[in-house]
Protein backbone atom coordinates (compact mmCIF):
# COMPACT_ATOMS: atom_id res chain seq x y z
CA MET A 1 -133.49 24.97 -51.09
CA GLN A 2 -134.70 24.01 -53.78
CA GLU A 3 -136.86 20.98 -53.88
CA SER A 4 -139.18 18.91 -56.83
CA ASN A 5 -142.33 17.71 -54.99
CA ASN A 6 -141.51 17.91 -51.34
CA LYS A 7 -138.51 15.53 -52.39
CA LYS A 8 -135.12 15.67 -50.00
CA ARG A 9 -131.94 15.99 -51.74
CA VAL A 10 -128.98 13.90 -52.09
CA LEU A 11 -125.67 14.51 -54.13
CA CYS A 12 -123.65 11.61 -54.50
CA LEU A 13 -119.60 12.07 -54.89
CA ASP A 14 -116.40 10.95 -55.68
CA ARG A 15 -113.43 12.21 -57.82
CA GLU A 16 -113.84 10.67 -61.37
CA ASN A 17 -117.46 10.43 -60.81
CA SER A 18 -117.43 7.65 -63.21
CA ILE A 19 -117.70 4.81 -60.90
CA ARG A 20 -119.25 4.99 -57.09
CA SER A 21 -121.02 8.05 -57.61
CA GLN A 22 -123.31 6.58 -60.17
CA MET A 23 -123.62 3.44 -58.65
CA ALA A 24 -124.63 5.51 -55.12
CA GLU A 25 -126.61 7.77 -57.85
CA ALA A 26 -129.14 4.49 -59.43
CA PHE A 27 -129.32 2.85 -56.12
CA ILE A 28 -130.86 5.98 -54.18
CA ARG A 29 -132.86 6.87 -57.43
CA PHE A 30 -134.31 3.19 -57.98
CA TYR A 31 -134.98 2.63 -54.17
CA GLY A 32 -136.09 5.96 -53.57
CA SER A 33 -136.87 7.90 -56.57
CA ASP A 34 -140.46 8.64 -54.68
CA LYS A 35 -138.51 10.56 -51.27
CA PHE A 36 -135.41 11.65 -53.11
CA ASP A 37 -134.28 14.30 -56.14
CA VAL A 38 -130.27 12.72 -56.39
CA PHE A 39 -127.67 13.88 -58.01
CA SER A 40 -123.63 12.98 -58.54
CA GLY A 41 -120.66 14.52 -59.13
CA GLY A 42 -117.17 14.67 -59.14
CA THR A 43 -114.00 16.53 -58.15
CA GLU A 44 -112.01 15.65 -61.75
CA PRO A 45 -115.06 13.90 -63.63
CA GLN A 46 -114.55 11.13 -66.01
CA PRO A 47 -116.90 9.21 -68.40
CA ILE A 48 -119.39 6.67 -66.55
CA HIS A 49 -116.73 3.68 -66.58
CA PRO A 50 -117.37 0.87 -69.03
CA LEU A 51 -117.44 -1.74 -66.30
CA THR A 52 -119.54 0.43 -64.54
CA ILE A 53 -122.58 0.24 -66.92
CA GLN A 54 -122.14 -3.66 -67.31
CA VAL A 55 -122.62 -4.28 -63.42
CA MET A 56 -125.73 -2.04 -63.12
CA ASN A 57 -127.06 -3.61 -66.28
CA GLU A 58 -126.38 -7.24 -64.46
CA VAL A 59 -128.91 -5.75 -61.55
CA GLY A 60 -131.70 -4.33 -64.44
CA ILE A 61 -130.53 -1.04 -63.76
CA SER A 62 -129.44 1.43 -66.86
CA LEU A 63 -127.52 4.56 -66.56
CA ASP A 64 -128.71 6.16 -69.86
CA GLN A 65 -129.92 8.82 -68.61
CA GLN A 66 -126.64 9.72 -66.25
CA HIS A 67 -123.44 11.51 -66.73
CA SER A 68 -120.13 12.10 -65.52
CA LYS A 69 -120.46 15.92 -64.09
CA THR A 70 -118.02 17.89 -62.21
CA ALA A 71 -119.38 18.25 -58.32
CA GLN A 72 -118.91 22.58 -59.51
CA ILE A 73 -121.89 22.51 -60.97
CA PHE A 74 -123.73 22.67 -57.84
CA PHE A 75 -121.90 24.95 -55.96
CA GLY A 76 -123.76 28.04 -55.05
CA HIS A 77 -126.60 26.92 -57.11
CA SER A 78 -127.79 23.87 -55.32
CA ALA A 79 -128.58 23.31 -51.55
CA PHE A 80 -128.60 19.65 -50.57
CA HIS A 81 -129.97 17.87 -47.48
CA PHE A 82 -127.29 14.51 -47.72
CA ALA A 83 -123.87 14.87 -49.62
CA LEU A 84 -122.95 11.26 -49.25
CA MET A 85 -118.57 10.89 -49.91
CA VAL A 86 -118.82 7.36 -51.30
CA SER A 87 -114.81 7.02 -51.81
CA HIS A 88 -112.66 5.70 -49.64
CA PRO A 89 -110.86 8.17 -46.92
CA SER A 90 -107.93 7.13 -47.76
CA GLU A 91 -108.19 8.13 -51.65
CA THR A 92 -106.24 11.31 -52.37
CA ASN A 93 -108.39 14.46 -54.82
CA CYS A 94 -111.25 13.31 -52.96
CA PRO A 95 -114.50 15.34 -51.84
CA ARG A 96 -114.75 15.40 -48.30
CA LEU A 97 -117.13 17.83 -47.50
CA PHE A 98 -119.80 19.86 -49.74
CA PRO A 99 -120.56 23.17 -48.30
CA GLY A 100 -124.07 23.46 -49.95
CA ALA A 101 -124.80 19.99 -47.95
CA LEU A 102 -126.52 20.06 -44.46
CA ARG A 103 -124.96 16.50 -44.31
CA ILE A 104 -121.97 14.64 -44.71
CA GLU A 105 -122.25 10.89 -44.71
CA ARG A 106 -119.49 9.12 -45.56
CA TRP A 107 -120.37 5.68 -47.48
CA PRO A 108 -116.48 4.77 -47.92
CA ASN A 109 -115.58 2.08 -50.70
CA GLN A 110 -112.33 1.90 -52.45
CA ASN A 111 -111.26 2.43 -56.08
CA PRO A 112 -111.96 -0.40 -58.38
CA LEU A 113 -108.71 1.20 -60.45
CA ALA A 114 -106.58 1.40 -57.87
CA ASP A 115 -104.55 -1.32 -58.52
CA GLN A 116 -103.36 -3.53 -61.23
CA LEU A 117 -105.93 -6.10 -61.69
CA THR A 118 -106.11 -8.88 -64.27
CA ALA A 119 -109.52 -7.85 -66.49
CA GLU A 120 -111.30 -10.56 -64.26
CA GLU A 121 -110.41 -9.54 -61.10
CA GLN A 122 -110.95 -5.81 -62.14
CA LEU A 123 -114.84 -7.05 -63.25
CA THR A 124 -115.25 -9.05 -59.74
CA LEU A 125 -114.01 -6.05 -57.84
CA PHE A 126 -116.37 -3.99 -59.40
CA ARG A 127 -119.71 -6.27 -58.99
CA SER A 128 -118.70 -6.52 -55.38
CA ILE A 129 -118.66 -2.53 -54.75
CA ARG A 130 -121.84 -2.59 -56.86
CA ASP A 131 -123.04 -4.78 -54.05
CA ARG A 132 -121.82 -3.42 -50.91
CA ILE A 133 -123.60 0.31 -52.38
CA GLN A 134 -126.76 -1.29 -53.18
CA LYS A 135 -126.72 -2.58 -49.38
CA GLN A 136 -125.52 0.71 -48.68
CA ALA A 137 -127.96 2.53 -50.61
CA GLN A 138 -130.52 0.55 -49.69
CA THR A 139 -129.95 0.52 -45.80
CA TRP A 140 -130.05 4.78 -46.03
CA VAL A 141 -132.85 4.83 -48.11
CA GLN A 142 -134.79 3.09 -45.43
CA MET A 143 -133.33 4.44 -42.34
CA GLN A 144 -134.81 7.90 -43.73
CA ARG A 145 -138.30 6.23 -43.94
CA ASP A 146 -137.77 5.55 -40.69
CA ILE A 147 -136.52 8.66 -39.26
CA GLU A 148 -139.91 10.39 -41.01
CA THR A 149 -142.18 7.69 -39.98
CA GLY A 150 -141.08 7.65 -36.23
CA ILE A 151 -141.32 3.29 -37.58
CA PHE A 152 -138.21 1.49 -37.42
CA SER A 153 -137.34 -1.46 -39.83
CA LYS A 154 -137.44 -4.56 -38.32
CA LYS A 155 -134.70 -5.68 -40.87
CA LEU A 156 -131.93 -2.95 -39.26
CA ILE A 157 -128.75 -4.77 -37.57
CA PRO A 158 -129.12 -4.93 -34.25
CA VAL A 159 -126.82 -2.97 -32.20
CA ALA A 160 -124.66 -5.02 -30.41
CA THR A 161 -125.00 -4.84 -26.52
CA THR A 162 -122.19 -4.97 -23.46
CA GLN A 163 -122.28 -7.05 -20.50
CA HIS A 164 -121.78 -5.80 -17.20
């Protein structure tokens, strides 16, 4: 497995590689660039959506160095520690697995382009998805750090216990 500076390789996947996987790539890079080399791809890549760029800029993260690409460029060339599927499982033509990944995780997020919405509603939905993916990325990066160190963060959500 190719690694630079002993970083773990992460691939964020969805269908278009224009919204959710771009957000996930940027947030993991922002929170975990010291531990992870992160990439993204899609099965049917489209240019990065303008609202993706806008809502990421709103939280101070530029996508200027990212571009949409097909996941096929990674097949057979690069092994990954993690493949993160960021689309909703009910969507068609979305990646379900990635053969070059040691571990596949699912971060189900709805497609903000799936419904007919007004421009204002669409922007609100993009922001909501951005905020959700940001929390997913923060939690995931922290959990990976905790697993590596064996010191678990007190900020994690406690697990509910059942009463006997």
